[in-house]
């Protein structure tokens, strides 16, 4: 059911965006309010704004938790609140700076994502290929068919 709803939503948005309207002038809210009318557009716009706001908060919390796990030395009393507030303030300043700053930072973040993907696949290819070697870390197996088939099926146990 969720796939059908997502498919219909995507098809509708694609249809609206490709119909020759000025989508870039007002973004999703502009499309929704012009297509569905001002009353329904306003209610959907408010929900869209709330969803984007909550997404930003959850993304900041995820970033703080990842940073805390990656750099344990940064942990101090109430570090989650302080770092989360700093990330939210950074986001607010970025948005306040305008679309030019957001666009330039988008390019920077795209480069960071490409670097992370490269690092992931480079580490996957260059990891040791010895399973069961006591000198190796037991969780690092590299590309191994034994590990692949061991992780393929579910290991769910109803007693746990």
N, C-alpha and C. Protein backbone atom coordinates (compact mmCIF):
# COMPACT_ATOMS: atom_id res chain seq x y z
N UNK A 1 0.83 -1.20 0.00
CA UNK A 1 0.00 0.00 0.00
C UNK A 1 0.88 1.26 0.00
N UNK A 2 1.94 1.25 0.82
CA UNK A 2 2.80 2.43 0.88
C UNK A 2 3.51 2.66 -0.46
N UNK A 3 3.85 1.56 -1.15
CA UNK A 3 4.49 1.70 -2.46
C UNK A 3 3.53 2.35 -3.45
N UNK A 4 2.28 1.95 -3.43
CA UNK A 4 1.29 2.51 -4.36
C UNK A 4 1.09 4.00 -4.07
N UNK A 5 1.02 4.38 -2.79
CA UNK A 5 0.86 5.79 -2.43
C UNK A 5 2.07 6.58 -2.89
N UNK A 6 3.28 6.06 -2.64
CA UNK A 6 4.49 6.76 -3.07
C UNK A 6 4.56 6.86 -4.59
N UNK A 7 4.16 5.81 -5.29
CA UNK A 7 4.16 5.82 -6.75
C UNK A 7 3.19 6.87 -7.28
N UNK A 8 1.99 6.91 -6.73
CA UNK A 8 1.01 7.91 -7.18
C UNK A 8 1.48 9.33 -6.88
N UNK A 9 2.07 9.53 -5.71
CA UNK A 9 2.57 10.86 -5.35
C UNK A 9 3.70 11.29 -6.29
N UNK A 10 4.61 10.38 -6.57
CA UNK A 10 5.72 10.70 -7.46
C UNK A 10 5.24 10.98 -8.87
N UNK A 11 4.30 10.18 -9.34
CA UNK A 11 3.75 10.40 -10.68
C UNK A 11 3.03 11.74 -10.76
N UNK A 12 2.28 12.08 -9.73
CA UNK A 12 1.55 13.35 -9.71
C UNK A 12 2.51 14.53 -9.69
N UNK A 13 3.54 14.45 -8.85
CA UNK A 13 4.51 15.54 -8.77
C UNK A 13 5.27 15.68 -10.09
N UNK A 14 5.60 14.57 -10.72
CA UNK A 14 6.30 14.63 -12.01
C UNK A 14 5.40 15.25 -13.07
N UNK A 15 4.13 14.89 -13.04
CA UNK A 15 3.19 15.45 -14.00
C UNK A 15 3.04 16.95 -13.82
N UNK A 16 2.92 17.38 -12.58
CA UNK A 16 2.76 18.81 -12.30
C UNK A 16 4.03 19.56 -12.68
N UNK A 17 5.18 18.99 -12.33
CA UNK A 17 6.46 19.67 -12.60
C UNK A 17 6.76 19.78 -14.08
N UNK A 18 6.32 18.79 -14.86
CA UNK A 18 6.64 18.80 -16.28
C UNK A 18 5.54 19.42 -17.14
N UNK A 19 4.51 19.99 -16.52
CA UNK A 19 3.41 20.55 -17.30
C UNK A 19 3.69 21.98 -17.77
N UNK A 20 4.86 22.49 -17.49
CA UNK A 20 5.20 23.82 -17.98
C UNK A 20 4.99 24.91 -16.97
N UNK A 21 4.63 24.58 -15.74
CA UNK A 21 4.44 25.59 -14.70
C UNK A 21 5.75 26.11 -14.18
N UNK A 22 5.68 27.16 -13.42
CA UNK A 22 6.88 27.75 -12.83
C UNK A 22 7.13 27.11 -11.47
N UNK A 23 7.70 25.91 -11.47
CA UNK A 23 7.95 25.20 -10.23
C UNK A 23 9.07 25.85 -9.45
N UNK A 24 10.09 26.30 -10.14
CA UNK A 24 11.24 26.86 -9.44
C UNK A 24 10.93 28.19 -8.76
N UNK A 25 9.84 28.84 -9.15
CA UNK A 25 9.52 30.13 -8.56
C UNK A 25 9.07 30.01 -7.11
N UNK A 26 8.42 28.90 -6.74
CA UNK A 26 7.92 28.80 -5.38
C UNK A 26 8.12 27.45 -4.75
N UNK A 27 8.72 26.53 -5.43
CA UNK A 27 8.99 25.21 -4.86
C UNK A 27 7.74 24.35 -4.73
N UNK A 28 7.79 23.37 -3.84
CA UNK A 28 6.66 22.44 -3.70
C UNK A 28 5.37 23.12 -3.25
N UNK A 29 5.49 24.11 -2.33
CA UNK A 29 4.28 24.78 -1.88
C UNK A 29 3.57 25.48 -3.03
N UNK A 30 4.33 26.11 -3.89
CA UNK A 30 3.74 26.80 -5.05
C UNK A 30 2.97 25.81 -5.92
N UNK A 31 3.58 24.64 -6.16
CA UNK A 31 2.90 23.62 -6.98
C UNK A 31 1.62 23.14 -6.31
N UNK A 32 1.72 22.84 -5.01
CA UNK A 32 0.56 22.29 -4.30
C UNK A 32 -0.56 23.30 -4.22
N UNK A 33 -0.24 24.55 -3.87
CA UNK A 33 -1.31 25.54 -3.72
C UNK A 33 -1.96 25.89 -5.05
N UNK A 34 -1.19 25.92 -6.15
CA UNK A 34 -1.78 26.23 -7.45
C UNK A 34 -2.59 25.06 -8.00
N UNK A 35 -2.22 23.84 -7.64
CA UNK A 35 -2.92 22.67 -8.15
C UNK A 35 -4.17 22.36 -7.35
N UNK A 36 -4.09 22.44 -6.03
CA UNK A 36 -5.20 22.01 -5.17
C UNK A 36 -6.02 23.16 -4.62
N UNK A 37 -5.62 24.38 -4.84
CA UNK A 37 -6.35 25.52 -4.31
C UNK A 37 -5.70 26.04 -3.04
N UNK A 38 -6.06 27.27 -2.64
CA UNK A 38 -5.38 27.90 -1.51
C UNK A 38 -5.67 27.24 -0.15
N UNK A 39 -6.89 26.73 0.06
CA UNK A 39 -7.22 26.16 1.37
C UNK A 39 -6.47 24.84 1.58
N UNK A 40 -6.60 23.94 0.62
CA UNK A 40 -5.90 22.66 0.74
C UNK A 40 -4.40 22.86 0.60
N UNK A 41 -3.99 23.80 -0.22
CA UNK A 41 -2.56 24.09 -0.37
C UNK A 41 -1.95 24.60 0.92
N UNK A 42 -2.70 25.44 1.66
CA UNK A 42 -2.18 25.96 2.93
C UNK A 42 -2.04 24.85 3.96
N UNK A 43 -3.03 23.96 4.04
CA UNK A 43 -2.94 22.88 5.02
C UNK A 43 -1.82 21.91 4.67
N UNK A 44 -1.66 21.60 3.39
CA UNK A 44 -0.55 20.73 2.98
C UNK A 44 0.78 21.46 3.19
N UNK A 45 0.81 22.77 2.91
CA UNK A 45 2.04 23.55 3.10
C UNK A 45 2.48 23.58 4.55
N UNK A 46 1.53 23.72 5.47
CA UNK A 46 1.87 23.71 6.90
C UNK A 46 2.43 22.35 7.30
N UNK A 47 1.80 21.28 6.84
CA UNK A 47 2.31 19.93 7.14
C UNK A 47 3.69 19.72 6.51
N UNK A 48 3.88 20.24 5.31
CA UNK A 48 5.18 20.14 4.64
C UNK A 48 6.24 20.88 5.44
N UNK A 49 5.93 22.08 5.91
CA UNK A 49 6.86 22.86 6.72
C UNK A 49 7.20 22.13 8.02
N UNK A 50 6.19 21.58 8.70
CA UNK A 50 6.44 20.84 9.93
C UNK A 50 7.32 19.61 9.67
N UNK A 51 7.04 18.92 8.58
CA UNK A 51 7.82 17.72 8.26
C UNK A 51 9.28 18.07 7.98
N UNK A 52 9.52 19.13 7.23
CA UNK A 52 10.89 19.55 6.93
C UNK A 52 11.60 20.01 8.21
N UNK A 53 10.87 20.71 9.08
CA UNK A 53 11.46 21.16 10.35
C UNK A 53 11.85 19.98 11.22
N UNK A 54 10.95 19.00 11.35
CA UNK A 54 11.27 17.81 12.15
C UNK A 54 12.39 17.00 11.52
N UNK A 55 12.44 16.96 10.19
CA UNK A 55 13.53 16.27 9.51
C UNK A 55 14.87 16.92 9.85
N UNK A 56 14.91 18.24 9.86
CA UNK A 56 16.16 18.95 10.19
C UNK A 56 16.59 18.64 11.62
N UNK A 57 15.63 18.60 12.54
CA UNK A 57 15.96 18.29 13.94
C UNK A 57 16.50 16.87 14.06
N UNK A 58 15.84 15.92 13.42
CA UNK A 58 16.30 14.53 13.50
C UNK A 58 17.65 14.34 12.82
N UNK A 59 17.87 15.03 11.71
CA UNK A 59 19.17 14.95 11.05
C UNK A 59 20.26 15.51 11.95
N UNK A 60 19.99 16.61 12.65
CA UNK A 60 20.98 17.18 13.58
C UNK A 60 21.26 16.22 14.73
N UNK A 61 20.22 15.59 15.27
CA UNK A 61 20.43 14.62 16.34
C UNK A 61 21.27 13.44 15.86
N UNK A 62 20.99 12.97 14.65
CA UNK A 62 21.79 11.89 14.09
C UNK A 62 23.24 12.29 13.90
N UNK A 63 23.46 13.52 13.46
CA UNK A 63 24.83 14.01 13.27
C UNK A 63 25.55 14.11 14.61
N UNK A 64 24.85 14.57 15.64
CA UNK A 64 25.47 14.69 16.97
C UNK A 64 25.82 13.30 17.51
N UNK A 65 24.92 12.35 17.37
CA UNK A 65 25.20 10.99 17.85
C UNK A 65 26.37 10.37 17.09
N UNK A 66 26.42 10.57 15.78
CA UNK A 66 27.53 10.04 14.99
C UNK A 66 28.84 10.69 15.39
N UNK A 67 28.82 12.00 15.60
CA UNK A 67 30.03 12.70 16.01
C UNK A 67 30.47 12.24 17.40
N UNK A 68 29.53 12.01 18.30
CA UNK A 68 29.87 11.54 19.64
C UNK A 68 30.48 10.14 19.60
N UNK A 69 29.98 9.29 18.71
CA UNK A 69 30.53 7.94 18.60
C UNK A 69 31.90 7.97 17.92
N UNK A 70 32.09 8.85 16.94
CA UNK A 70 33.35 8.90 16.20
C UNK A 70 34.46 9.58 17.00
N UNK A 71 34.10 10.57 17.80
CA UNK A 71 35.09 11.31 18.59
C UNK A 71 34.64 11.32 20.05
N UNK A 72 34.94 10.26 20.80
CA UNK A 72 34.49 10.20 22.20
C UNK A 72 35.08 11.30 23.07
N UNK A 73 36.19 11.89 22.66
CA UNK A 73 36.80 12.96 23.46
C UNK A 73 35.93 14.21 23.51
N UNK A 74 34.97 14.34 22.59
CA UNK A 74 34.10 15.52 22.56
C UNK A 74 32.95 15.42 23.55
N UNK A 75 32.84 14.31 24.26
CA UNK A 75 31.72 14.13 25.19
C UNK A 75 32.01 14.87 26.49
N UNK A 76 31.07 15.68 26.88
CA UNK A 76 31.11 16.41 28.15
C UNK A 76 29.68 16.49 28.64
N UNK A 77 29.45 16.94 29.86
CA UNK A 77 28.06 17.01 30.34
C UNK A 77 27.20 17.88 29.42
N UNK A 78 26.08 17.33 29.01
CA UNK A 78 25.11 17.98 28.12
C UNK A 78 25.71 18.28 26.75
N UNK A 79 26.63 17.43 26.28
CA UNK A 79 27.24 17.65 24.96
C UNK A 79 26.23 17.47 23.83
N UNK A 80 25.25 16.59 24.02
CA UNK A 80 24.24 16.37 22.98
C UNK A 80 23.44 17.66 22.73
N UNK A 81 23.03 18.31 23.80
CA UNK A 81 22.25 19.54 23.65
C UNK A 81 23.10 20.66 23.06
N UNK A 82 24.34 20.77 23.51
CA UNK A 82 25.20 21.86 23.03
C UNK A 82 25.53 21.67 21.55
N UNK A 83 25.93 20.45 21.17
CA UNK A 83 26.27 20.21 19.76
C UNK A 83 25.03 20.29 18.87
N UNK A 84 23.91 19.78 19.35
CA UNK A 84 22.66 19.87 18.58
C UNK A 84 22.25 21.32 18.36
N UNK A 85 22.38 22.14 19.38
CA UNK A 85 22.05 23.56 19.25
C UNK A 85 23.01 24.25 18.28
N UNK A 86 24.28 23.86 18.32
CA UNK A 86 25.25 24.45 17.39
C UNK A 86 24.93 24.06 15.95
N UNK A 87 24.58 22.79 15.73
CA UNK A 87 24.21 22.36 14.39
C UNK A 87 22.95 23.09 13.90
N UNK A 88 21.95 23.22 14.77
CA UNK A 88 20.73 23.92 14.37
C UNK A 88 21.00 25.40 14.09
N UNK A 89 21.87 26.02 14.89
CA UNK A 89 22.22 27.41 14.63
C UNK A 89 22.96 27.54 13.29
N UNK A 90 23.83 26.58 13.00
CA UNK A 90 24.51 26.59 11.70
C UNK A 90 23.54 26.45 10.55
N UNK A 91 22.55 25.56 10.71
CA UNK A 91 21.53 25.42 9.66
C UNK A 91 20.73 26.71 9.50
N UNK A 92 20.36 27.32 10.63
CA UNK A 92 19.58 28.56 10.56
C UNK A 92 20.37 29.67 9.86
N UNK A 93 21.66 29.78 10.17
CA UNK A 93 22.49 30.80 9.52
C UNK A 93 22.65 30.52 8.03
N UNK A 94 22.76 29.25 7.68
CA UNK A 94 22.88 28.88 6.28
C UNK A 94 21.63 29.26 5.50
N UNK A 95 20.47 28.93 6.06
CA UNK A 95 19.21 29.27 5.38
C UNK A 95 19.01 30.78 5.35
N UNK A 96 19.37 31.46 6.42
CA UNK A 96 19.24 32.90 6.47
C UNK A 96 20.13 33.57 5.43
N UNK A 97 21.27 32.94 5.13
CA UNK A 97 22.19 33.49 4.14
C UNK A 97 21.66 33.48 2.73
N UNK A 98 20.67 32.66 2.45
CA UNK A 98 20.05 32.67 1.14
C UNK A 98 20.37 31.44 0.32
N UNK A 99 19.73 31.37 -0.82
CA UNK A 99 19.82 30.20 -1.68
C UNK A 99 21.20 30.04 -2.28
N UNK A 100 21.95 31.13 -2.46
CA UNK A 100 23.30 31.02 -3.02
C UNK A 100 24.22 30.23 -2.09
N UNK A 101 24.13 30.50 -0.79
CA UNK A 101 24.95 29.76 0.18
C UNK A 101 24.51 28.31 0.24
N UNK A 102 23.20 28.08 0.23
CA UNK A 102 22.69 26.71 0.27
C UNK A 102 23.16 25.93 -0.95
N UNK A 103 23.14 26.57 -2.11
CA UNK A 103 23.58 25.90 -3.34
C UNK A 103 25.07 25.58 -3.29
N UNK A 104 25.87 26.53 -2.83
CA UNK A 104 27.31 26.28 -2.73
C UNK A 104 27.62 25.19 -1.72
N UNK A 105 26.91 25.17 -0.59
CA UNK A 105 27.12 24.12 0.40
C UNK A 105 26.63 22.77 -0.12
N UNK A 106 25.60 22.79 -0.97
CA UNK A 106 25.14 21.55 -1.56
C UNK A 106 26.21 20.89 -2.40
N UNK A 107 26.98 21.69 -3.12
CA UNK A 107 28.10 21.15 -3.90
C UNK A 107 29.17 20.58 -2.97
N UNK A 108 29.47 21.27 -1.88
CA UNK A 108 30.44 20.77 -0.91
C UNK A 108 29.98 19.44 -0.31
N UNK A 109 28.70 19.37 0.08
CA UNK A 109 28.19 18.14 0.67
C UNK A 109 28.14 17.00 -0.34
N UNK A 110 27.89 17.31 -1.60
CA UNK A 110 27.94 16.28 -2.64
C UNK A 110 29.34 15.71 -2.76
N UNK A 111 30.35 16.58 -2.68
CA UNK A 111 31.74 16.10 -2.71
C UNK A 111 32.05 15.24 -1.50
N UNK A 112 31.54 15.61 -0.33
CA UNK A 112 31.74 14.80 0.87
C UNK A 112 31.10 13.43 0.71
N UNK A 113 29.90 13.39 0.16
CA UNK A 113 29.21 12.11 -0.05
C UNK A 113 29.99 11.24 -1.03
N UNK A 114 30.50 11.82 -2.11
CA UNK A 114 31.30 11.05 -3.07
C UNK A 114 32.57 10.52 -2.42
N UNK A 115 33.21 11.33 -1.57
CA UNK A 115 34.40 10.86 -0.86
C UNK A 115 34.07 9.70 0.08
N UNK A 116 32.94 9.80 0.77
CA UNK A 116 32.54 8.72 1.68
C UNK A 116 32.24 7.45 0.90
N UNK A 117 31.55 7.57 -0.22
CA UNK A 117 31.28 6.38 -1.04
C UNK A 117 32.58 5.77 -1.56
N UNK A 118 33.50 6.62 -2.02
CA UNK A 118 34.79 6.11 -2.48
C UNK A 118 35.52 5.40 -1.34
N UNK A 119 35.53 6.00 -0.15
CA UNK A 119 36.21 5.39 0.99
C UNK A 119 35.59 4.06 1.37
N UNK A 120 34.26 3.98 1.31
CA UNK A 120 33.57 2.73 1.64
C UNK A 120 33.99 1.61 0.68
N UNK A 121 33.89 1.88 -0.61
CA UNK A 121 34.22 0.83 -1.58
C UNK A 121 35.72 0.53 -1.61
N UNK A 122 36.56 1.54 -1.40
CA UNK A 122 37.99 1.30 -1.33
C UNK A 122 38.33 0.41 -0.13
N UNK A 123 37.71 0.69 1.02
CA UNK A 123 37.92 -0.14 2.21
C UNK A 123 37.38 -1.54 2.03
N UNK A 124 36.26 -1.66 1.33
CA UNK A 124 35.68 -2.97 1.09
C UNK A 124 36.59 -3.81 0.20
N UNK A 125 37.16 -3.19 -0.82
CA UNK A 125 38.02 -3.93 -1.76
C UNK A 125 39.37 -4.26 -1.13
N UNK A 126 39.92 -3.35 -0.33
CA UNK A 126 41.26 -3.56 0.22
C UNK A 126 41.27 -4.25 1.58
N UNK A 127 40.11 -4.62 2.13
CA UNK A 127 40.06 -5.31 3.42
C UNK A 127 40.69 -6.69 3.30
N UNK A 128 41.24 -7.21 4.39
CA UNK A 128 41.84 -8.54 4.32
C UNK A 128 40.79 -9.60 3.98
N UNK A 129 41.21 -10.62 3.23
CA UNK A 129 40.29 -11.64 2.75
C UNK A 129 40.45 -12.95 3.50
N UNK A 130 40.92 -12.92 4.73
CA UNK A 130 41.14 -14.14 5.49
C UNK A 130 40.07 -14.27 6.55
N UNK A 131 39.27 -15.32 6.47
CA UNK A 131 38.24 -15.57 7.48
C UNK A 131 38.83 -16.51 8.51
N UNK A 132 38.71 -16.16 9.77
CA UNK A 132 39.15 -17.04 10.83
C UNK A 132 40.61 -16.89 11.22
N UNK A 133 41.35 -15.96 10.64
CA UNK A 133 42.73 -15.74 11.00
C UNK A 133 42.78 -15.05 12.37
N UNK A 134 43.40 -15.66 13.38
CA UNK A 134 43.38 -15.05 14.72
C UNK A 134 44.16 -13.75 14.80
N UNK A 135 45.06 -13.51 13.85
CA UNK A 135 45.82 -12.25 13.88
C UNK A 135 45.00 -11.08 13.35
N UNK A 136 43.93 -11.40 12.60
CA UNK A 136 43.07 -10.36 12.03
C UNK A 136 41.94 -10.04 13.01
N UNK A 137 41.36 -8.89 12.86
CA UNK A 137 40.16 -8.54 13.62
C UNK A 137 39.05 -9.48 13.17
N UNK A 138 38.32 -10.06 14.12
CA UNK A 138 37.35 -11.08 13.74
C UNK A 138 36.13 -10.53 13.01
N UNK A 139 35.90 -9.22 13.06
CA UNK A 139 34.74 -8.65 12.39
C UNK A 139 35.06 -8.18 10.98
N UNK A 140 36.32 -8.13 10.61
CA UNK A 140 36.71 -7.68 9.28
C UNK A 140 37.03 -8.91 8.45
N UNK A 141 36.16 -9.20 7.49
CA UNK A 141 36.37 -10.39 6.67
C UNK A 141 36.62 -10.05 5.22
N UNK A 142 36.46 -8.81 4.83
CA UNK A 142 36.64 -8.45 3.42
C UNK A 142 35.52 -9.04 2.58
N UNK A 143 35.76 -9.17 1.31
CA UNK A 143 34.78 -9.78 0.42
C UNK A 143 34.89 -11.29 0.56
N UNK A 144 33.92 -11.89 1.22
CA UNK A 144 33.96 -13.31 1.51
C UNK A 144 32.59 -13.91 1.23
N UNK A 145 32.55 -14.99 0.46
CA UNK A 145 31.27 -15.65 0.21
C UNK A 145 30.74 -16.30 1.48
N UNK A 146 31.62 -16.74 2.36
CA UNK A 146 31.18 -17.33 3.63
C UNK A 146 30.44 -16.28 4.48
N UNK A 147 30.99 -15.08 4.55
CA UNK A 147 30.33 -14.00 5.29
C UNK A 147 29.04 -13.58 4.60
N UNK A 148 29.06 -13.53 3.27
CA UNK A 148 27.86 -13.15 2.52
C UNK A 148 26.70 -14.10 2.81
N UNK A 149 26.95 -15.40 2.69
CA UNK A 149 25.88 -16.36 2.92
C UNK A 149 25.51 -16.46 4.39
N UNK A 150 26.45 -16.17 5.28
CA UNK A 150 26.13 -16.14 6.71
C UNK A 150 25.22 -14.99 7.09
N UNK A 151 25.31 -13.89 6.35
CA UNK A 151 24.48 -12.72 6.61
C UNK A 151 23.23 -12.68 5.75
N UNK A 152 23.08 -13.60 4.83
CA UNK A 152 21.97 -13.54 3.88
C UNK A 152 20.62 -13.78 4.55
N UNK A 153 20.51 -14.80 5.36
CA UNK A 153 19.23 -15.16 5.95
C UNK A 153 19.01 -14.42 7.26
N UNK A 154 17.78 -14.43 7.69
CA UNK A 154 17.43 -13.80 8.96
C UNK A 154 17.92 -14.67 10.11
N UNK A 155 18.39 -14.03 11.16
CA UNK A 155 18.84 -14.74 12.36
C UNK A 155 17.94 -14.38 13.53
N UNK A 156 16.68 -14.16 13.25
CA UNK A 156 15.74 -13.76 14.28
C UNK A 156 15.46 -14.94 15.20
N UNK A 157 15.46 -14.66 16.49
CA UNK A 157 15.16 -15.68 17.49
C UNK A 157 14.05 -15.14 18.37
N UNK A 158 12.94 -15.84 18.45
CA UNK A 158 11.78 -15.32 19.21
C UNK A 158 12.02 -15.30 20.71
N UNK A 159 13.04 -15.99 21.19
CA UNK A 159 13.31 -16.00 22.62
C UNK A 159 14.08 -14.78 23.08
N UNK A 160 14.71 -14.06 22.17
CA UNK A 160 15.49 -12.87 22.55
C UNK A 160 14.64 -11.66 22.51
